[in-house]
N, C-alpha and C. Protein backbone atom coordinates (compact mmCIF):
# COMPACT_ATOMS: atom_id res chain seq x y z
N UNK A 1 29.53 -7.44 -43.58
CA UNK A 1 28.20 -7.93 -43.83
C UNK A 1 27.83 -8.94 -42.70
N UNK A 2 26.62 -8.83 -42.25
CA UNK A 2 26.11 -9.67 -41.17
C UNK A 2 25.41 -10.90 -41.79
N UNK A 3 25.81 -12.08 -41.31
CA UNK A 3 25.22 -13.28 -41.85
C UNK A 3 23.91 -13.58 -41.17
N UNK A 4 23.18 -14.53 -41.76
CA UNK A 4 21.89 -14.89 -41.21
C UNK A 4 22.02 -15.58 -39.87
N UNK A 5 23.03 -16.32 -39.64
CA UNK A 5 23.22 -17.01 -38.35
C UNK A 5 23.55 -15.98 -37.23
N UNK A 6 24.30 -14.94 -37.58
CA UNK A 6 24.58 -13.88 -36.61
C UNK A 6 23.33 -13.14 -36.23
N UNK A 7 22.45 -12.91 -37.19
CA UNK A 7 21.17 -12.22 -36.89
C UNK A 7 20.32 -13.13 -35.99
N UNK A 8 20.32 -14.39 -36.26
CA UNK A 8 19.53 -15.36 -35.40
C UNK A 8 20.06 -15.39 -34.01
N UNK A 9 21.42 -15.43 -33.86
CA UNK A 9 22.03 -15.40 -32.50
C UNK A 9 21.74 -14.11 -31.76
N UNK A 10 21.79 -12.95 -32.51
CA UNK A 10 21.51 -11.67 -31.93
C UNK A 10 20.03 -11.60 -31.45
N UNK A 11 19.13 -12.12 -32.26
CA UNK A 11 17.73 -12.10 -31.89
C UNK A 11 17.48 -12.99 -30.70
N UNK A 12 18.15 -14.17 -30.61
CA UNK A 12 18.01 -15.05 -29.50
C UNK A 12 18.55 -14.44 -28.27
N UNK A 13 19.66 -13.72 -28.36
CA UNK A 13 20.24 -13.05 -27.19
C UNK A 13 19.33 -11.95 -26.71
N UNK A 14 18.75 -11.18 -27.56
CA UNK A 14 17.83 -10.10 -27.17
C UNK A 14 16.62 -10.67 -26.49
N UNK A 15 16.03 -11.74 -27.05
CA UNK A 15 14.88 -12.40 -26.42
C UNK A 15 15.22 -12.94 -25.06
N UNK A 16 16.43 -13.54 -24.90
CA UNK A 16 16.81 -14.01 -23.62
C UNK A 16 16.97 -12.94 -22.59
N UNK A 17 17.54 -11.84 -22.95
CA UNK A 17 17.70 -10.67 -22.06
C UNK A 17 16.30 -10.18 -21.65
N UNK A 18 15.39 -10.04 -22.59
CA UNK A 18 14.03 -9.58 -22.26
C UNK A 18 13.37 -10.57 -21.29
N UNK A 19 13.46 -11.84 -21.62
CA UNK A 19 12.88 -12.93 -20.74
C UNK A 19 13.47 -12.84 -19.34
N UNK A 20 14.77 -12.71 -19.25
CA UNK A 20 15.41 -12.64 -17.94
C UNK A 20 14.96 -11.41 -17.14
N UNK A 21 14.81 -10.27 -17.85
CA UNK A 21 14.37 -9.02 -17.16
C UNK A 21 12.98 -9.15 -16.63
N UNK A 22 12.08 -9.81 -17.44
CA UNK A 22 10.71 -9.98 -17.01
C UNK A 22 10.66 -10.96 -15.80
N UNK A 23 11.44 -12.02 -15.85
CA UNK A 23 11.48 -12.97 -14.75
C UNK A 23 12.00 -12.30 -13.46
N UNK A 24 13.05 -11.52 -13.56
CA UNK A 24 13.61 -10.81 -12.37
C UNK A 24 12.60 -9.81 -11.87
N UNK A 25 11.92 -9.08 -12.74
CA UNK A 25 10.91 -8.13 -12.32
C UNK A 25 9.77 -8.79 -11.57
N UNK A 26 9.34 -9.96 -12.07
CA UNK A 26 8.25 -10.76 -11.43
C UNK A 26 8.70 -11.21 -10.07
N UNK A 27 9.92 -11.78 -9.96
CA UNK A 27 10.41 -12.31 -8.71
C UNK A 27 10.59 -11.19 -7.71
N UNK A 28 11.11 -10.07 -8.13
CA UNK A 28 11.32 -8.92 -7.24
C UNK A 28 9.97 -8.42 -6.73
N UNK A 29 8.96 -8.37 -7.58
CA UNK A 29 7.63 -7.96 -7.18
C UNK A 29 6.99 -8.94 -6.15
N UNK A 30 7.25 -10.22 -6.31
CA UNK A 30 6.74 -11.18 -5.37
C UNK A 30 7.40 -11.04 -4.01
N UNK A 31 8.67 -10.65 -3.97
CA UNK A 31 9.36 -10.47 -2.73
C UNK A 31 8.80 -9.27 -1.96
N UNK A 32 8.43 -8.21 -2.67
CA UNK A 32 7.99 -6.98 -2.05
C UNK A 32 6.51 -6.99 -1.72
N UNK A 33 5.71 -7.80 -2.41
CA UNK A 33 4.28 -7.81 -2.22
C UNK A 33 3.91 -8.75 -1.06
N UNK A 34 2.95 -8.37 -0.23
CA UNK A 34 2.56 -9.26 0.85
C UNK A 34 1.91 -10.53 0.30
N UNK A 35 2.00 -11.57 1.08
CA UNK A 35 1.40 -12.85 0.68
C UNK A 35 -0.13 -12.71 0.61
N UNK A 36 -0.73 -13.50 -0.26
CA UNK A 36 -2.19 -13.46 -0.40
C UNK A 36 -2.82 -13.90 0.93
N UNK A 37 -3.88 -13.20 1.26
CA UNK A 37 -4.57 -13.60 2.48
C UNK A 37 -4.08 -12.83 3.74
N UNK A 38 -2.89 -12.30 3.67
CA UNK A 38 -2.42 -11.53 4.82
C UNK A 38 -3.07 -10.21 4.88
N UNK A 39 -3.40 -9.78 6.05
CA UNK A 39 -4.04 -8.49 6.22
C UNK A 39 -3.06 -7.61 7.08
N UNK A 40 -2.83 -6.46 6.56
CA UNK A 40 -1.87 -5.54 7.25
C UNK A 40 -2.67 -4.37 7.83
N UNK A 41 -2.28 -4.02 9.03
CA UNK A 41 -2.86 -2.85 9.69
C UNK A 41 -1.85 -1.74 9.57
N UNK A 42 -2.26 -0.63 9.00
CA UNK A 42 -1.38 0.56 8.88
C UNK A 42 -1.89 1.56 9.90
N UNK A 43 -1.08 1.83 10.93
CA UNK A 43 -1.46 2.78 11.97
C UNK A 43 -0.88 4.14 11.63
N UNK A 44 -1.76 5.11 11.38
CA UNK A 44 -1.36 6.44 11.01
C UNK A 44 -1.58 7.40 12.20
N UNK A 45 -0.56 7.99 12.75
CA UNK A 45 -0.72 8.90 13.85
C UNK A 45 -1.32 10.23 13.36
N UNK A 46 -2.44 10.63 13.95
CA UNK A 46 -3.11 11.87 13.59
C UNK A 46 -2.68 12.97 14.57
N UNK A 47 -2.08 14.00 14.05
CA UNK A 47 -1.62 15.14 14.91
C UNK A 47 -2.06 16.46 14.27
N UNK A 48 -2.30 17.41 15.11
CA UNK A 48 -2.63 18.72 14.60
C UNK A 48 -3.86 18.76 13.73
N UNK A 49 -3.75 19.43 12.59
CA UNK A 49 -4.85 19.55 11.67
C UNK A 49 -4.95 18.34 10.69
N UNK A 50 -4.14 17.29 10.94
CA UNK A 50 -4.16 16.10 10.12
C UNK A 50 -3.39 16.25 8.80
N UNK A 51 -2.45 17.17 8.82
CA UNK A 51 -1.66 17.38 7.61
C UNK A 51 -0.91 16.10 7.26
N UNK A 52 -1.01 15.75 6.02
CA UNK A 52 -0.36 14.55 5.52
C UNK A 52 -1.22 13.28 5.54
N UNK A 53 -2.30 13.30 6.28
CA UNK A 53 -3.20 12.11 6.34
C UNK A 53 -3.79 11.75 4.98
N UNK A 54 -4.37 12.76 4.32
CA UNK A 54 -5.02 12.53 3.05
C UNK A 54 -4.02 12.02 1.98
N UNK A 55 -2.81 12.62 1.94
CA UNK A 55 -1.82 12.21 0.95
C UNK A 55 -1.39 10.79 1.22
N UNK A 56 -1.22 10.40 2.49
CA UNK A 56 -0.83 9.06 2.81
C UNK A 56 -1.91 8.06 2.47
N UNK A 57 -3.20 8.42 2.73
CA UNK A 57 -4.30 7.54 2.40
C UNK A 57 -4.50 7.45 0.90
N UNK A 58 -4.27 8.53 0.14
CA UNK A 58 -4.32 8.42 -1.31
C UNK A 58 -3.29 7.46 -1.84
N UNK A 59 -2.10 7.49 -1.25
CA UNK A 59 -1.03 6.61 -1.66
C UNK A 59 -1.40 5.16 -1.34
N UNK A 60 -2.01 4.92 -0.18
CA UNK A 60 -2.45 3.57 0.22
C UNK A 60 -3.58 3.09 -0.70
N UNK A 61 -4.43 4.04 -1.10
CA UNK A 61 -5.51 3.66 -2.04
C UNK A 61 -4.92 3.24 -3.37
N UNK A 62 -3.89 3.95 -3.83
CA UNK A 62 -3.22 3.55 -5.07
C UNK A 62 -2.58 2.17 -4.88
N UNK A 63 -1.98 1.91 -3.76
CA UNK A 63 -1.39 0.55 -3.49
C UNK A 63 -2.44 -0.49 -3.46
N UNK A 64 -3.64 -0.18 -2.93
CA UNK A 64 -4.74 -1.15 -2.88
C UNK A 64 -5.22 -1.48 -4.32
N UNK A 65 -5.29 -0.43 -5.12
CA UNK A 65 -5.72 -0.71 -6.54
C UNK A 65 -4.67 -1.56 -7.24
N UNK A 66 -3.39 -1.49 -6.91
CA UNK A 66 -2.39 -2.30 -7.53
C UNK A 66 -2.21 -3.62 -6.90
N UNK A 67 -2.98 -3.91 -5.80
CA UNK A 67 -2.89 -5.20 -5.15
C UNK A 67 -1.75 -5.36 -4.18
N UNK A 68 -1.06 -4.26 -3.89
CA UNK A 68 0.07 -4.35 -2.97
C UNK A 68 -0.36 -4.28 -1.52
N UNK A 69 -1.38 -3.47 -1.24
CA UNK A 69 -1.84 -3.27 0.13
C UNK A 69 -3.25 -3.86 0.22
N UNK A 70 -3.42 -4.80 1.10
CA UNK A 70 -4.75 -5.49 1.21
C UNK A 70 -5.35 -5.31 2.58
N UNK A 71 -4.78 -4.46 3.41
CA UNK A 71 -5.22 -4.35 4.77
C UNK A 71 -6.07 -3.13 5.03
N UNK A 72 -5.97 -2.61 6.28
CA UNK A 72 -6.75 -1.50 6.69
C UNK A 72 -5.83 -0.38 7.21
N UNK A 73 -6.32 0.79 7.18
CA UNK A 73 -5.61 1.95 7.78
C UNK A 73 -6.40 2.45 8.94
N UNK A 74 -5.68 2.68 10.04
CA UNK A 74 -6.29 3.19 11.26
C UNK A 74 -5.67 4.53 11.57
N UNK A 75 -6.48 5.57 11.65
CA UNK A 75 -6.02 6.91 12.02
C UNK A 75 -6.16 6.97 13.57
N UNK A 76 -4.99 7.02 14.20
CA UNK A 76 -4.98 7.11 15.68
C UNK A 76 -4.85 8.55 16.08
N UNK A 77 -5.84 9.01 16.86
CA UNK A 77 -5.87 10.38 17.34
C UNK A 77 -4.86 10.60 18.47
N UNK A 78 -3.72 11.11 18.08
CA UNK A 78 -2.68 11.40 19.08
C UNK A 78 -2.93 12.78 19.69
N UNK A 79 -3.15 13.74 18.85
CA UNK A 79 -3.43 15.11 19.34
C UNK A 79 -4.06 15.92 18.21
N UNK A 80 -5.13 15.39 17.66
CA UNK A 80 -5.83 16.07 16.55
C UNK A 80 -6.61 17.29 17.11
N UNK A 81 -6.63 18.35 16.35
CA UNK A 81 -7.47 19.48 16.62
C UNK A 81 -8.90 19.12 16.15
N UNK A 82 -9.89 19.93 16.49
CA UNK A 82 -11.24 19.64 15.99
C UNK A 82 -11.29 19.55 14.46
N UNK A 83 -10.52 20.40 13.75
CA UNK A 83 -10.47 20.37 12.30
C UNK A 83 -9.80 19.05 11.81
N UNK A 84 -8.78 18.63 12.57
CA UNK A 84 -8.12 17.36 12.20
C UNK A 84 -9.01 16.18 12.42
N UNK A 85 -9.79 16.20 13.50
CA UNK A 85 -10.74 15.07 13.75
C UNK A 85 -11.80 15.02 12.62
N UNK A 86 -12.27 16.19 12.25
CA UNK A 86 -13.27 16.23 11.18
C UNK A 86 -12.66 15.69 9.84
N UNK A 87 -11.44 16.06 9.55
CA UNK A 87 -10.78 15.55 8.38
C UNK A 87 -10.63 14.01 8.47
N UNK A 88 -10.21 13.51 9.59
CA UNK A 88 -10.01 12.11 9.78
C UNK A 88 -11.33 11.34 9.59
N UNK A 89 -12.40 11.88 10.12
CA UNK A 89 -13.73 11.21 9.98
C UNK A 89 -14.19 11.25 8.50
N UNK A 90 -13.93 12.39 7.83
CA UNK A 90 -14.28 12.45 6.39
C UNK A 90 -13.51 11.44 5.57
N UNK A 91 -12.24 11.28 5.89
CA UNK A 91 -11.42 10.30 5.19
C UNK A 91 -11.86 8.89 5.44
N UNK A 92 -12.32 8.61 6.68
CA UNK A 92 -12.84 7.29 7.04
C UNK A 92 -14.16 7.02 6.30
N UNK A 93 -14.95 8.09 6.08
CA UNK A 93 -16.19 7.91 5.31
C UNK A 93 -15.93 7.68 3.87
N UNK A 94 -14.87 8.28 3.34
CA UNK A 94 -14.52 8.15 1.95
C UNK A 94 -14.09 6.75 1.56
N UNK A 95 -13.27 6.14 2.42
CA UNK A 95 -12.73 4.81 2.13
C UNK A 95 -13.18 3.84 3.22
N UNK A 96 -13.80 2.77 2.79
CA UNK A 96 -14.37 1.81 3.77
C UNK A 96 -13.27 1.07 4.56
N UNK A 97 -12.06 1.06 4.07
CA UNK A 97 -10.94 0.34 4.73
C UNK A 97 -10.18 1.25 5.71
N UNK A 98 -10.67 2.44 5.91
CA UNK A 98 -10.06 3.43 6.84
C UNK A 98 -10.99 3.57 8.03
N UNK A 99 -10.43 3.56 9.22
CA UNK A 99 -11.19 3.81 10.42
C UNK A 99 -10.44 4.74 11.37
N UNK A 100 -11.11 5.27 12.33
CA UNK A 100 -10.49 6.20 13.30
C UNK A 100 -10.54 5.59 14.68
N UNK A 101 -9.44 5.78 15.38
CA UNK A 101 -9.34 5.33 16.77
C UNK A 101 -9.23 6.56 17.68
N UNK A 102 -10.14 6.68 18.63
CA UNK A 102 -10.12 7.84 19.51
C UNK A 102 -8.89 7.82 20.42
N UNK A 103 -8.53 9.00 20.89
CA UNK A 103 -7.38 9.16 21.77
C UNK A 103 -7.58 8.38 23.11
N UNK A 104 -6.56 7.68 23.52
CA UNK A 104 -6.64 6.98 24.78
C UNK A 104 -7.23 5.58 24.71
N UNK A 105 -7.68 5.11 23.56
CA UNK A 105 -8.28 3.79 23.48
C UNK A 105 -7.68 2.88 22.46
N UNK A 106 -6.39 3.08 22.15
CA UNK A 106 -5.74 2.27 21.12
C UNK A 106 -5.63 0.83 21.53
N UNK A 107 -5.26 0.53 22.80
CA UNK A 107 -5.13 -0.84 23.24
C UNK A 107 -6.46 -1.56 23.14
N UNK A 108 -7.50 -0.95 23.62
CA UNK A 108 -8.82 -1.54 23.59
C UNK A 108 -9.29 -1.75 22.13
N UNK A 109 -9.00 -0.82 21.31
CA UNK A 109 -9.45 -0.86 19.89
C UNK A 109 -8.69 -1.98 19.19
N UNK A 110 -7.41 -2.14 19.42
CA UNK A 110 -6.59 -3.14 18.78
C UNK A 110 -6.89 -4.55 19.28
N UNK A 111 -7.42 -4.65 20.49
CA UNK A 111 -7.68 -6.00 21.05
C UNK A 111 -8.97 -6.58 20.57
N UNK A 112 -9.75 -5.83 19.80
CA UNK A 112 -11.02 -6.35 19.26
C UNK A 112 -10.67 -7.43 18.23
N UNK A 113 -11.45 -8.48 18.18
CA UNK A 113 -11.20 -9.58 17.28
C UNK A 113 -11.79 -9.33 15.87
N UNK A 114 -12.68 -8.40 15.77
CA UNK A 114 -13.36 -8.20 14.47
C UNK A 114 -12.56 -7.26 13.65
N UNK A 115 -12.75 -7.39 12.29
CA UNK A 115 -12.15 -6.46 11.35
C UNK A 115 -12.95 -5.16 11.42
N UNK A 116 -12.30 -4.03 11.10
CA UNK A 116 -13.02 -2.77 11.16
C UNK A 116 -14.13 -2.69 10.09
């Protein structure tokens, strides 16, 4: 038979384990999440027909909704086909935090002081 003090100790132990797990989860999340106010530039190389660009940007949009990603995404035209360029421009129109950088002008584009 279990006594009342044993039940109390068991309940306290369970609550402590839950509290410790929540604390560790919070601290781990703070380590992985960027600091508030920091802006991150995600440079996405655009090649071919732009395969993978939309999936990557959807993932980044999900991260933005969760507060993990607070920066901008830049699609850099490395060797996009006309269909790939059209896809990149459509993606930049869909999300205001996405922009496109034309081929051969990455240094000039990145040296601008303004946010996209």
